[in-house]
Amino acid sequence: MLRIAFAGTPEFALPALRALVALPCQLVGVLTQPDRPAGRGRALQASPVKRLARELGLPVAQPGHLKSPAEQAELRAWAPELLVVVAYGLILPPAVLELPRLGCLNIHASLLPRWRGAAPIQRAILAGDTESGVTLMRMEAGLDTGPMLAQRALPIGARTTGGELHDALAALGAAMLAPLIADLAAGRCVVRPQPANGVSYAAKLAKSEARIDWTDSAVAIDRQVRAFNPWPVAETRLDDEQLRIWRALPLPSAPLDTPPGTVLGLSEDRLQVSTGSGVLAIEALQSAGRRVVSAHDFANARALAGRRLG
């Protein structure tokens, strides 16, 4: 029975871990990042992968890095023949990459070589891509540069959010695992190098990117709203109050005489705001410290027409 170890940290990795548990293999252990302080009290919290691994009764190791033999010792003791890596968050040095005889298999949430790096899901939406997907690749020392073992595309809808695409790609990657591992074990995998053309990089998200610039087009702001839902959430200001925009819709319009960011009023239960090009129709938003409400309810609670956001 094939001995497999798993390395992952966030929610995105959970479907893959569950898929491995269901396979006819021996899941010998789970690597995940160390517990981190979180929440207002800054208490240490286990990663989603650690919590699931504990529920499943799997051995867990949490090295701060994997650079030294001491940090690699537990993984070596598990003697895996394959290491499956999903959003682990730590660099695997050559000694780890060479440890399993079948190599290290990574589930990456893009159609490589497009969107190598940390935030491929959000960058695809921000760029206006019409499709994303999952690439299963054999890891090497470069950043998401390894040869591809399998790839499947998934359309990005006009209203798809970052959270929705995240969940869909996590499920797709998990579904691709079983047939690929069977092929790896049987020695019948077709390995393809990544194309030299079409390389792009998905930089890590920063909270500062969530601030809306109303001189941008309605289409660009809509992409920002969708990409940053559920984190860090696109935001603007009304006077000194933070407003987080959870759901919106871009509308074409003739050139407007009002400055970008001007609230035009409520129409069809959407709060319409002028932009650098077109109108953004806000459907759901949230004041600081309050719950998310519909644009209709928000507009009914205050006079907004003619006021400016930003």
C-alpha atoms as a PDB file:
ATOM      1  CA  MET A   1       0.000   0.000   0.000  1.00  0.00           C
ATOM      2  CA  LEU A   2       1.390   3.381  -1.051  1.00  0.00           C
ATOM      3  CA  ARG A   3       2.726   5.482   1.827  1.00  0.00           C
ATOM      4  CA  ILE A   4       1.612   9.104   1.442  1.00  0.00           C
ATOM      5  CA  ALA A   5       2.336  12.178   3.572  1.00  0.00           C
ATOM      6  CA  PHE A   6       0.375  15.420   3.293  1.00  0.00           C
ATOM      7  CA  ALA A   7       1.484  19.044   3.709  1.00  0.00           C
ATOM      8  CA  GLY A   8      -1.076  21.862   3.892  1.00  0.00           C
ATOM      9  CA  THR A   9      -2.343  24.641   6.125  1.00  0.00           C
ATOM     10  CA  PRO A  10      -5.527  26.603   5.181  1.00  0.00           C
ATOM     11  CA  GLU A  11      -9.124  25.720   4.345  1.00  0.00           C
ATOM     12  CA  PHE A  12      -8.219  25.256   0.684  1.00  0.00           C
ATOM     13  CA  ALA A  13      -6.267  22.107   1.583  1.00  0.00           C
ATOM     14  CA  LEU A  14      -9.101  20.343   3.443  1.00  0.00           C
ATOM     15  CA  PRO A  15     -10.890  18.684   0.484  1.00  0.00           C
ATOM     16  CA  ALA A  16      -7.601  17.178  -0.685  1.00  0.00           C
ATOM     17  CA  LEU A  17      -6.841  15.780   2.763  1.00  0.00           C
ATOM     18  CA  ARG A  18     -10.307  14.226   2.948  1.00  0.00           C
ATOM     19  CA  ALA A  19      -9.798  12.756  -0.533  1.00  0.00           C
ATOM     20  CA  LEU A  20      -6.541  11.118   0.530  1.00  0.00           C
ATOM     21  CA  VAL A  21      -8.184   9.569   3.581  1.00  0.00           C
ATOM     22  CA  ALA A  22     -10.682   7.874   1.256  1.00  0.00           C
ATOM     23  CA  LEU A  23      -7.987   6.342  -0.967  1.00  0.00           C
ATOM     24  CA  PRO A  24      -6.570   2.797  -0.592  1.00  0.00           C
ATOM     25  CA  CYS A  25      -3.261   4.138   0.710  1.00  0.00           C
ATOM     26  CA  GLN A  26      -1.466   4.588   4.002  1.00  0.00           C
ATOM     27  CA  LEU A  27      -1.606   8.230   5.068  1.00  0.00           C
ATOM     28  CA  VAL A  28       1.463   8.301   7.285  1.00  0.00           C
ATOM     29  CA  GLY A  29       1.376  11.872   8.568  1.00  0.00           C
ATOM     30  CA  VAL A  30       0.467  15.517   8.057  1.00  0.00           C
ATOM     31  CA  LEU A  31       2.736  18.563   7.955  1.00  0.00           C
ATOM     32  CA  THR A  32       1.172  21.943   8.710  1.00  0.00           C
ATOM     33  CA  GLN A  33       2.431  25.325   9.840  1.00  0.00           C
ATOM     34  CA  PRO A  34       2.873  26.081  13.557  1.00  0.00           C
ATOM     35  CA  ASP A  35      -0.082  27.430  15.546  1.00  0.00           C
ATOM     36  CA  ARG A  36      -0.432  31.198  15.112  1.00  0.00           C
ATOM     37  CA  PRO A  37      -1.970  33.949  17.277  1.00  0.00           C
ATOM     38  CA  ALA A  38      -5.362  35.016  15.963  1.00  0.00           C
ATOM     39  CA  GLY A  39      -8.457  36.943  17.011  1.00  0.00           C
ATOM     40  CA  ARG A  40      -8.749  39.849  19.396  1.00  0.00           C
ATOM     41  CA  GLY A  41      -7.165  37.921  22.229  1.00  0.00           C
ATOM     42  CA  ARG A  42      -4.270  36.803  20.007  1.00  0.00           C
ATOM     43  CA  ALA A  43      -4.519  33.281  21.408  1.00  0.00           C
ATOM     44  CA  LEU A  44      -2.689  30.556  19.525  1.00  0.00           C
ATOM     45  CA  GLN A  45      -4.913  28.786  17.004  1.00  0.00           C
ATOM     46  CA  ALA A  46      -4.303  25.579  15.101  1.00  0.00           C
ATOM     47  CA  SER A  47      -4.522  25.636  11.315  1.00  0.00           C
ATOM     48  CA  PRO A  48      -7.620  24.179   9.627  1.00  0.00           C
ATOM     49  CA  VAL A  49      -5.481  21.273   8.390  1.00  0.00           C
ATOM     50  CA  LYS A  50      -4.223  20.510  11.888  1.00  0.00           C
ATOM     51  CA  ARG A  51      -7.741  20.493  13.285  1.00  0.00           C
ATOM     52  CA  LEU A  52      -8.960  18.086  10.610  1.00  0.00           C
ATOM     53  CA  ALA A  53      -5.897  15.853  10.951  1.00  0.00           C
ATOM     54  CA  ARG A  54      -6.514  15.564  14.696  1.00  0.00           C
ATOM     55  CA  GLU A  55     -10.163  14.653  14.059  1.00  0.00           C
ATOM     56  CA  LEU A  56      -8.990  11.945  11.680  1.00  0.00           C
ATOM     57  CA  GLY A  57      -6.421  10.607  14.152  1.00  0.00           C
ATOM     58  CA  LEU A  58      -3.439  11.341  11.903  1.00  0.00           C
ATOM     59  CA  PRO A  59       0.088  12.118  13.110  1.00  0.00           C
ATOM     60  CA  VAL A  60       0.838  15.854  12.836  1.00  0.00           C
ATOM     61  CA  ALA A  61       4.171  17.680  12.654  1.00  0.00           C
ATOM     62  CA  GLN A  62       4.554  21.474  12.722  1.00  0.00           C
ATOM     63  CA  PRO A  63       8.146  22.463  11.952  1.00  0.00           C
ATOM     64  CA  GLY A  64       8.851  26.178  11.720  1.00  0.00           C
ATOM     65  CA  HIS A  65      10.855  25.459   8.591  1.00  0.00           C
ATOM     66  CA  LEU A  66      12.290  22.420   6.834  1.00  0.00           C
ATOM     67  CA  LYS A  67      15.827  23.608   6.228  1.00  0.00           C
ATOM     68  CA  SER A  68      17.702  21.462   8.755  1.00  0.00           C
ATOM     69  CA  PRO A  69      17.926  17.687   9.220  1.00  0.00           C
ATOM     70  CA  ALA A  70      16.382  18.112  12.686  1.00  0.00           C
ATOM     71  CA  GLU A  71      13.299  19.810  11.230  1.00  0.00           C
ATOM     72  CA  GLN A  72      13.052  17.112   8.552  1.00  0.00           C
ATOM     73  CA  ALA A  73      13.441  14.207  10.991  1.00  0.00           C
ATOM     74  CA  GLU A  74       9.752  13.483  11.569  1.00  0.00           C
ATOM     75  CA  LEU A  75       8.957  13.518   7.855  1.00  0.00           C
ATOM     76  CA  ARG A  76      11.850  11.142   7.206  1.00  0.00           C
ATOM     77  CA  ALA A  77      10.624   8.829   9.951  1.00  0.00           C
ATOM     78  CA  TRP A  78       7.276   8.580   8.182  1.00  0.00           C
ATOM     79  CA  ALA A  79       9.153   7.318   5.083  1.00  0.00           C
ATOM     80  CA  PRO A  80       6.584   8.550   2.541  1.00  0.00           C
ATOM     81  CA  GLU A  81       6.720   7.397  -1.054  1.00  0.00           C
ATOM     82  CA  LEU A  82       4.743  10.471  -2.114  1.00  0.00           C
ATOM     83  CA  LEU A  83       4.232  13.884  -0.512  1.00  0.00           C
ATOM     84  CA  VAL A  84       1.031  15.732  -1.508  1.00  0.00           C
ATOM     85  CA  VAL A  85       1.339  19.491  -0.955  1.00  0.00           C
ATOM     86  CA  VAL A  86      -1.599  21.927  -0.938  1.00  0.00           C
ATOM     87  CA  ALA A  87      -1.064  25.560   0.128  1.00  0.00           C
ATOM     88  CA  TYR A  88       1.445  24.523   2.789  1.00  0.00           C
ATOM     89  CA  GLY A  89       3.133  27.931   2.975  1.00  0.00           C
ATOM     90  CA  LEU A  90       6.687  26.771   3.686  1.00  0.00           C
ATOM     91  CA  ILE A  91       9.485  26.305   1.150  1.00  0.00           C
ATOM     92  CA  LEU A  92      10.501  22.703   0.585  1.00  0.00           C
ATOM     93  CA  PRO A  93      14.292  22.448   0.266  1.00  0.00           C
ATOM     94  CA  PRO A  94      15.924  20.027  -2.205  1.00  0.00           C
ATOM     95  CA  ALA A  95      16.448  17.408   0.487  1.00  0.00           C
ATOM     96  CA  VAL A  96      12.686  17.223   1.085  1.00  0.00           C
ATOM     97  CA  LEU A  97      11.783  17.356  -2.600  1.00  0.00           C
ATOM     98  CA  GLU A  98      14.042  14.351  -3.195  1.00  0.00           C
ATOM     99  CA  LEU A  99      12.846  12.348  -0.185  1.00  0.00           C
ATOM    100  CA  PRO A 100       9.769  10.519  -1.572  1.00  0.00           C
ATOM    101  CA  ARG A 101      10.539   8.131  -4.444  1.00  0.00           C
ATOM    102  CA  LEU A 102       7.482   9.393  -6.372  1.00  0.00           C
ATOM    103  CA  GLY A 103       8.328  13.018  -5.623  1.00  0.00           C
ATOM    104  CA  CYS A 104       6.261  15.866  -4.210  1.00  0.00           C
ATOM    105  CA  LEU A 105       2.892  16.527  -5.853  1.00  0.00           C
ATOM    106  CA  ASN A 106       1.417  20.039  -5.611  1.00  0.00           C
ATOM    107  CA  ILE A 107      -2.180  21.111  -6.194  1.00  0.00           C
ATOM    108  CA  HIS A 108      -2.034  24.662  -7.586  1.00  0.00           C
ATOM    109  CA  ALA A 109      -5.139  26.789  -8.131  1.00  0.00           C
ATOM    110  CA  SER A 110      -4.443  28.103 -11.624  1.00  0.00           C
ATOM    111  CA  LEU A 111      -3.797  26.987 -15.180  1.00  0.00           C
ATOM    112  CA  LEU A 112      -0.018  27.150 -15.011  1.00  0.00           C
ATOM    113  CA  PRO A 113       2.115  28.876 -16.114  1.00  0.00           C
ATOM    114  CA  ARG A 114      -0.462  31.645 -15.581  1.00  0.00           C
ATOM    115  CA  TRP A 115      -0.591  32.864 -11.991  1.00  0.00           C
ATOM    116  CA  ARG A 116       2.349  31.247 -10.305  1.00  0.00           C
ATOM    117  CA  GLY A 117       2.592  32.376  -6.702  1.00  0.00           C
ATOM    118  CA  ALA A 118       0.570  33.065  -3.586  1.00  0.00           C
ATOM    119  CA  ALA A 119      -2.822  34.450  -4.688  1.00  0.00           C
ATOM    120  CA  PRO A 120      -3.791  32.927  -8.057  1.00  0.00           C
ATOM    121  CA  ILE A 121      -7.531  32.857  -7.340  1.00  0.00           C
ATOM    122  CA  GLN A 122      -7.916  36.549  -6.577  1.00  0.00           C
ATOM    123  CA  ARG A 123      -5.459  37.670  -9.275  1.00  0.00           C
ATOM    124  CA  ALA A 124      -7.400  35.789 -11.934  1.00  0.00           C
ATOM    125  CA  ILE A 125     -10.624  37.620 -11.017  1.00  0.00           C
ATOM    126  CA  LEU A 126      -8.880  41.000 -10.745  1.00  0.00           C
ATOM    127  CA  ALA A 127      -7.401  40.521 -14.219  1.00  0.00           C
ATOM    128  CA  GLY A 128     -10.775  39.691 -15.720  1.00  0.00           C
ATOM    129  CA  ASP A 129      -9.824  36.117 -16.655  1.00  0.00           C
ATOM    130  CA  THR A 130     -12.767  34.107 -17.959  1.00  0.00           C
ATOM    131  CA  GLU A 131     -11.367  30.807 -16.711  1.00  0.00           C
ATOM    132  CA  SER A 132      -9.179  29.407 -13.993  1.00  0.00           C
ATOM    133  CA  GLY A 133      -8.453  25.826 -13.065  1.00  0.00           C
ATOM    134  CA  VAL A 134      -6.199  23.425 -11.227  1.00  0.00           C
ATOM    135  CA  THR A 135      -2.764  22.153 -12.139  1.00  0.00           C
ATOM    136  CA  LEU A 136      -1.244  19.114 -10.465  1.00  0.00           C
ATOM    137  CA  MET A 137       2.515  19.390 -10.813  1.00  0.00           C
ATOM    138  CA  ARG A 138       5.666  17.713  -9.617  1.00  0.00           C
ATOM    139  CA  MET A 139       7.454  20.184  -7.381  1.00  0.00           C
ATOM    140  CA  GLU A 140      10.949  21.480  -7.984  1.00  0.00           C
ATOM    141  CA  ALA A 141      13.058  24.265  -6.482  1.00  0.00           C
ATOM    142  CA  GLY A 142      11.499  27.110  -8.515  1.00  0.00           C
ATOM    143  CA  LEU A 143       8.266  28.925  -7.596  1.00  0.00           C
ATOM    144  CA  ASP A 144       5.499  26.819  -9.170  1.00  0.00           C
ATOM    145  CA  THR A 145       7.756  25.961 -12.106  1.00  0.00           C
ATOM    146  CA  GLY A 146       7.569  22.152 -11.934  1.00  0.00           C
ATOM    147  CA  PRO A 147       6.402  19.868 -14.742  1.00  0.00           C
ATOM    148  CA  MET A 148       2.652  19.314 -15.056  1.00  0.00           C
ATOM    149  CA  LEU A 149       0.982  15.954 -14.438  1.00  0.00           C
ATOM    150  CA  ALA A 150      -2.671  16.976 -14.919  1.00  0.00           C
ATOM    151  CA  GLN A 151      -4.662  20.124 -15.578  1.00  0.00           C
ATOM    152  CA  ARG A 152      -8.372  20.951 -15.654  1.00  0.00           C
ATOM    153  CA  ALA A 153     -10.064  24.264 -16.436  1.00  0.00           C
ATOM    154  CA  LEU A 154     -13.021  25.888 -14.704  1.00  0.00           C
ATOM    155  CA  PRO A 155     -14.948  28.919 -16.024  1.00  0.00           C
ATOM    156  CA  ILE A 156     -15.070  32.135 -14.010  1.00  0.00           C
ATOM    157  CA  GLY A 157     -18.581  33.562 -14.175  1.00  0.00           C
ATOM    158  CA  ALA A 158     -19.360  37.251 -14.432  1.00  0.00           C
ATOM    159  CA  ARG A 159     -20.468  37.262 -10.781  1.00  0.00           C
ATOM    160  CA  THR A 160     -18.065  34.670  -9.318  1.00  0.00           C
ATOM    161  CA  THR A 161     -16.461  35.789  -6.040  1.00  0.00           C
ATOM    162  CA  GLY A 162     -13.056  34.876  -4.698  1.00  0.00           C
ATOM    163  CA  GLY A 163     -14.670  32.674  -2.061  1.00  0.00           C
ATOM    164  CA  GLU A 164     -16.798  30.814  -4.593  1.00  0.00           C
ATOM    165  CA  LEU A 165     -13.861  30.201  -6.924  1.00  0.00           C
ATOM    166  CA  HIS A 166     -11.722  29.109  -3.944  1.00  0.00           C
ATOM    167  CA  ASP A 167     -14.249  26.445  -2.949  1.00  0.00           C
ATOM    168  CA  ALA A 168     -14.776  25.229  -6.513  1.00  0.00           C
ATOM    169  CA  LEU A 169     -11.050  24.899  -7.199  1.00  0.00           C
ATOM    170  CA  ALA A 170     -10.408  23.159  -3.861  1.00  0.00           C
ATOM    171  CA  ALA A 171     -13.060  20.568  -4.733  1.00  0.00           C
ATOM    172  CA  LEU A 172     -11.742  20.174  -8.290  1.00  0.00           C
ATOM    173  CA  GLY A 173      -8.172  19.601  -7.099  1.00  0.00           C
ATOM    174  CA  ALA A 174      -9.332  16.988  -4.603  1.00  0.00           C
ATOM    175  CA  ALA A 175     -11.309  15.167  -7.303  1.00  0.00           C
ATOM    176  CA  MET A 176      -8.224  15.033  -9.528  1.00  0.00           C
ATOM    177  CA  LEU A 177      -6.078  13.338  -6.886  1.00  0.00           C
ATOM    178  CA  ALA A 178      -7.326   9.738  -6.982  1.00  0.00           C
ATOM    179  CA  PRO A 179      -6.807   9.035 -10.706  1.00  0.00           C
ATOM    180  CA  LEU A 180      -3.448  10.798 -10.743  1.00  0.00           C
ATOM    181  CA  ILE A 181      -2.098   8.914  -7.727  1.00  0.00           C
ATOM    182  CA  ALA A 182      -3.215   5.649  -9.323  1.00  0.00           C
ATOM    183  CA  ASP A 183      -1.317   6.602 -12.484  1.00  0.00           C
ATOM    184  CA  LEU A 184       1.765   7.619 -10.483  1.00  0.00           C
ATOM    185  CA  ALA A 185       1.808   4.331  -8.600  1.00  0.00           C
ATOM    186  CA  ALA A 186       1.435   2.396 -11.882  1.00  0.00           C
ATOM    187  CA  GLY A 187       4.143   4.410 -13.631  1.00  0.00           C
ATOM    188  CA  ARG A 188       1.865   5.613 -16.413  1.00  0.00           C
ATOM    189  CA  CYS A 189       1.831   9.380 -15.777  1.00  0.00           C
ATOM    190  CA  VAL A 190       2.471  11.724 -18.693  1.00  0.00           C
ATOM    191  CA  VAL A 191       4.739  14.539 -17.498  1.00  0.00           C
ATOM    192  CA  ARG A 192       4.712  17.805 -19.462  1.00  0.00           C
ATOM    193  CA  PRO A 193       6.980  20.810 -18.916  1.00  0.00           C
ATOM    194  CA  GLN A 194       5.218  24.112 -18.417  1.00  0.00           C
ATOM    195  CA  PRO A 195       5.049  26.328 -21.529  1.00  0.00           C
ATOM    196  CA  ALA A 196       7.687  29.050 -21.678  1.00  0.00           C
ATOM    197  CA  ASN A 197       5.090  31.615 -22.772  1.00  0.00           C
ATOM    198  CA  GLY A 198       2.219  32.998 -20.721  1.00  0.00           C
ATOM    199  CA  VAL A 199       4.004  33.130 -17.360  1.00  0.00           C
ATOM    200  CA  SER A 200       2.478  35.526 -14.813  1.00  0.00           C
ATOM    201  CA  TYR A 201       2.862  35.931 -11.055  1.00  0.00           C
ATOM    202  CA  ALA A 202       0.171  36.207  -8.402  1.00  0.00           C
ATOM    203  CA  ALA A 203       1.590  38.370  -5.624  1.00  0.00           C
ATOM    204  CA  LYS A 204       0.343  37.916  -2.075  1.00  0.00           C
ATOM    205  CA  LEU A 205      -2.723  40.001  -1.240  1.00  0.00           C
ATOM    206  CA  ALA A 206      -2.327  43.173   0.799  1.00  0.00           C
ATOM    207  CA  LYS A 207      -5.142  44.827   2.753  1.00  0.00           C
ATOM    208  CA  SER A 208      -4.257  48.135   1.123  1.00  0.00           C
ATOM    209  CA  GLU A 209      -5.448  46.764  -2.230  1.00  0.00           C
ATOM    210  CA  ALA A 210      -9.003  46.612  -0.889  1.00  0.00           C
ATOM    211  CA  ARG A 211      -9.467  50.416  -0.916  1.00  0.00           C
ATOM    212  CA  ILE A 212     -11.674  51.409  -3.840  1.00  0.00           C
ATOM    213  CA  ASP A 213     -10.505  54.138  -6.218  1.00  0.00           C
ATOM    214  CA  TRP A 214     -13.719  55.497  -7.707  1.00  0.00           C
ATOM    215  CA  THR A 215     -11.871  56.944 -10.700  1.00  0.00           C
ATOM    216  CA  ASP A 216     -11.412  53.338 -11.862  1.00  0.00           C
ATOM    217  CA  SER A 217     -14.078  51.876 -14.139  1.00  0.00           C
ATOM    218  CA  ALA A 218     -17.166  50.156 -12.749  1.00  0.00           C
ATOM    219  CA  VAL A 219     -15.924  46.916 -14.350  1.00  0.00           C
ATOM    220  CA  ALA A 220     -12.557  47.138 -12.548  1.00  0.00           C
ATOM    221  CA  ILE A 221     -14.173  47.977  -9.199  1.00  0.00           C
ATOM    222  CA  ASP A 222     -16.625  45.091  -9.593  1.00  0.00           C
ATOM    223  CA  ARG A 223     -13.682  42.731 -10.114  1.00  0.00           C
ATOM    224  CA  GLN A 224     -12.097  44.153  -6.963  1.00  0.00           C
ATOM    225  CA  VAL A 225     -15.314  43.582  -4.987  1.00  0.00           C
ATOM    226  CA  ARG A 226     -15.625  39.989  -6.229  1.00  0.00           C
ATOM    227  CA  ALA A 227     -11.936  39.079  -5.880  1.00  0.00           C
ATOM    228  CA  PHE A 228     -11.696  40.361  -2.298  1.00  0.00           C
ATOM    229  CA  ASN A 229     -14.856  38.615  -1.083  1.00  0.00           C
ATOM    230  CA  PRO A 230     -14.475  37.181   1.581  1.00  0.00           C
ATOM    231  CA  TRP A 231     -11.012  38.716   2.302  1.00  0.00           C
ATOM    232  CA  PRO A 232      -9.887  41.431   2.664  1.00  0.00           C
ATOM    233  CA  VAL A 233     -13.233  42.854   1.346  1.00  0.00           C
ATOM    234  CA  ALA A 234     -13.303  45.920  -0.904  1.00  0.00           C
ATOM    235  CA  GLU A 235     -13.858  49.092   1.100  1.00  0.00           C
ATOM    236  CA  THR A 236     -14.518  52.791   0.803  1.00  0.00           C
ATOM    237  CA  ARG A 237     -15.475  55.613   3.170  1.00  0.00           C
ATOM    238  CA  LEU A 238     -18.578  57.705   3.736  1.00  0.00           C
ATOM    239  CA  ASP A 239     -17.306  60.764   5.606  1.00  0.00           C
ATOM    240  CA  ASP A 240     -15.214  59.133   8.351  1.00  0.00           C
ATOM    241  CA  GLU A 241     -17.069  55.808   8.295  1.00  0.00           C
ATOM    242  CA  GLN A 242     -15.643  52.673   6.740  1.00  0.00           C
ATOM    243  CA  LEU A 243     -17.971  50.895   4.312  1.00  0.00           C
ATOM    244  CA  ARG A 244     -17.183  47.393   3.099  1.00  0.00           C
ATOM    245  CA  ILE A 245     -18.715  46.453  -0.241  1.00  0.00           C
ATOM    246  CA  TRP A 246     -19.686  42.787  -0.397  1.00  0.00           C
ATOM    247  CA  ARG A 247     -21.676  42.546  -3.588  1.00  0.00           C
ATOM    248  CA  ALA A 248     -22.095  44.848  -6.575  1.00  0.00           C
ATOM    249  CA  LEU A 249     -22.804  44.924 -10.280  1.00  0.00           C
ATOM    250  CA  PRO A 250     -21.215  47.100 -12.998  1.00  0.00           C
ATOM    251  CA  LEU A 251     -23.627  48.993 -15.233  1.00  0.00           C
ATOM    252  CA  PRO A 252     -22.784  50.810 -18.471  1.00  0.00           C
ATOM    253  CA  SER A 253     -23.813  54.438 -18.665  1.00  0.00           C
ATOM    254  CA  ALA A 254     -23.379  57.562 -20.710  1.00  0.00           C
ATOM    255  CA  PRO A 255     -20.678  59.940 -19.445  1.00  0.00           C
ATOM    256  CA  LEU A 256     -21.803  61.492 -16.167  1.00  0.00           C
ATOM    257  CA  ASP A 257     -21.441  65.077 -14.959  1.00  0.00           C
ATOM    258  CA  THR A 258     -20.965  63.934 -11.351  1.00  0.00           C
ATOM    259  CA  PRO A 259     -17.523  63.271  -9.843  1.00  0.00           C
ATOM    260  CA  PRO A 260     -16.534  59.603  -9.404  1.00  0.00           C
ATOM    261  CA  GLY A 261     -17.779  58.210  -6.098  1.00  0.00           C
ATOM    262  CA  THR A 262     -20.998  60.248  -6.112  1.00  0.00           C
ATOM    263  CA  VAL A 263     -24.050  58.368  -4.857  1.00  0.00           C
ATOM    264  CA  LEU A 264     -26.700  58.674  -7.579  1.00  0.00           C
ATOM    265  CA  GLY A 265     -29.509  57.075  -5.590  1.00  0.00           C
ATOM    266  CA  LEU A 266     -31.336  53.783  -5.197  1.00  0.00           C
ATOM    267  CA  SER A 267     -32.632  51.935  -8.238  1.00  0.00           C
ATOM    268  CA  GLU A 268     -33.999  48.360  -8.297  1.00  0.00           C
ATOM    269  CA  ASP A 269     -32.797  47.960  -4.691  1.00  0.00           C
ATOM    270  CA  ARG A 270     -29.244  48.781  -5.720  1.00  0.00           C
ATOM    271  CA  LEU A 271     -27.273  51.805  -4.560  1.00  0.00           C
ATOM    272  CA  GLN A 272     -25.848  53.370  -7.708  1.00  0.00           C
ATOM    273  CA  VAL A 273     -22.481  55.127  -7.570  1.00  0.00           C
ATOM    274  CA  SER A 274     -20.673  56.942 -10.377  1.00  0.00           C
ATOM    275  CA  THR A 275     -17.186  55.759 -11.339  1.00  0.00           C
ATOM    276  CA  GLY A 276     -14.510  56.764 -13.823  1.00  0.00           C
ATOM    277  CA  SER A 277     -16.451  54.816 -16.444  1.00  0.00           C
ATOM    278  CA  GLY A 278     -19.937  53.446 -15.872  1.00  0.00           C
ATOM    279  CA  VAL A 279     -21.954  53.013 -12.700  1.00  0.00           C
ATOM    280  CA  LEU A 280     -21.388  50.558  -9.860  1.00  0.00           C
ATOM    281  CA  ALA A 281     -24.662  49.219  -8.467  1.00  0.00           C
ATOM    282  CA  ILE A 282     -24.024  48.134  -4.879  1.00  0.00           C
ATOM    283  CA  GLU A 283     -26.228  45.293  -3.606  1.00  0.00           C
ATOM    284  CA  ALA A 284     -24.810  44.513  -0.144  1.00  0.00           C
ATOM    285  CA  LEU A 285     -22.536  46.497   2.163  1.00  0.00           C
ATOM    286  CA  GLN A 286     -21.417  46.760   5.757  1.00  0.00           C
ATOM    287  CA  SER A 287     -20.649  49.616   8.129  1.00  0.00           C
ATOM    288  CA  ALA A 288     -17.782  49.181  10.569  1.00  0.00           C
ATOM    289  CA  GLY A 289     -18.804  46.929  13.422  1.00  0.00           C
ATOM    290  CA  ARG A 290     -22.217  46.185  11.916  1.00  0.00           C
ATOM    291  CA  ARG A 291     -23.697  43.252  10.035  1.00  0.00           C
ATOM    292  CA  VAL A 292     -23.913  43.047   6.246  1.00  0.00           C
ATOM    293  CA  VAL A 293     -27.155  44.615   4.947  1.00  0.00           C
ATOM    294  CA  SER A 294     -28.840  45.079   1.599  1.00  0.00           C
ATOM    295  CA  ALA A 295     -28.324  48.353  -0.235  1.00  0.00           C
ATOM    296  CA  HIS A 296     -32.082  48.943   0.097  1.00  0.00           C
ATOM    297  CA  ASP A 297     -31.961  48.732   3.902  1.00  0.00           C
ATOM    298  CA  PHE A 298     -28.791  50.813   4.087  1.00  0.00           C
ATOM    299  CA  ALA A 299     -30.208  53.586   1.893  1.00  0.00           C
ATOM    300  CA  ASN A 300     -33.490  53.667   3.821  1.00  0.00           C
ATOM    301  CA  ALA A 301     -31.618  54.427   7.041  1.00  0.00           C
ATOM    302  CA  ARG A 302     -29.926  57.605   5.809  1.00  0.00           C
ATOM    303  CA  ALA A 303     -29.952  60.274   3.105  1.00  0.00           C
ATOM    304  CA  LEU A 304     -27.289  59.363   0.574  1.00  0.00           C
ATOM    305  CA  ALA A 305     -28.119  60.852  -2.833  1.00  0.00           C
ATOM    306  CA  GLY A 306     -25.466  63.361  -3.886  1.00  0.00           C
ATOM    307  CA  ARG A 307     -22.967  62.344  -1.220  1.00  0.00           C
ATOM    308  CA  ARG A 308     -19.516  61.127  -2.225  1.00  0.00           C
ATOM    309  CA  LEU A 309     -17.750  57.927  -1.293  1.00  0.00           C
ATOM    310  CA  GLY A 310     -14.003  57.661  -1.031  1.00  0.00           C
END
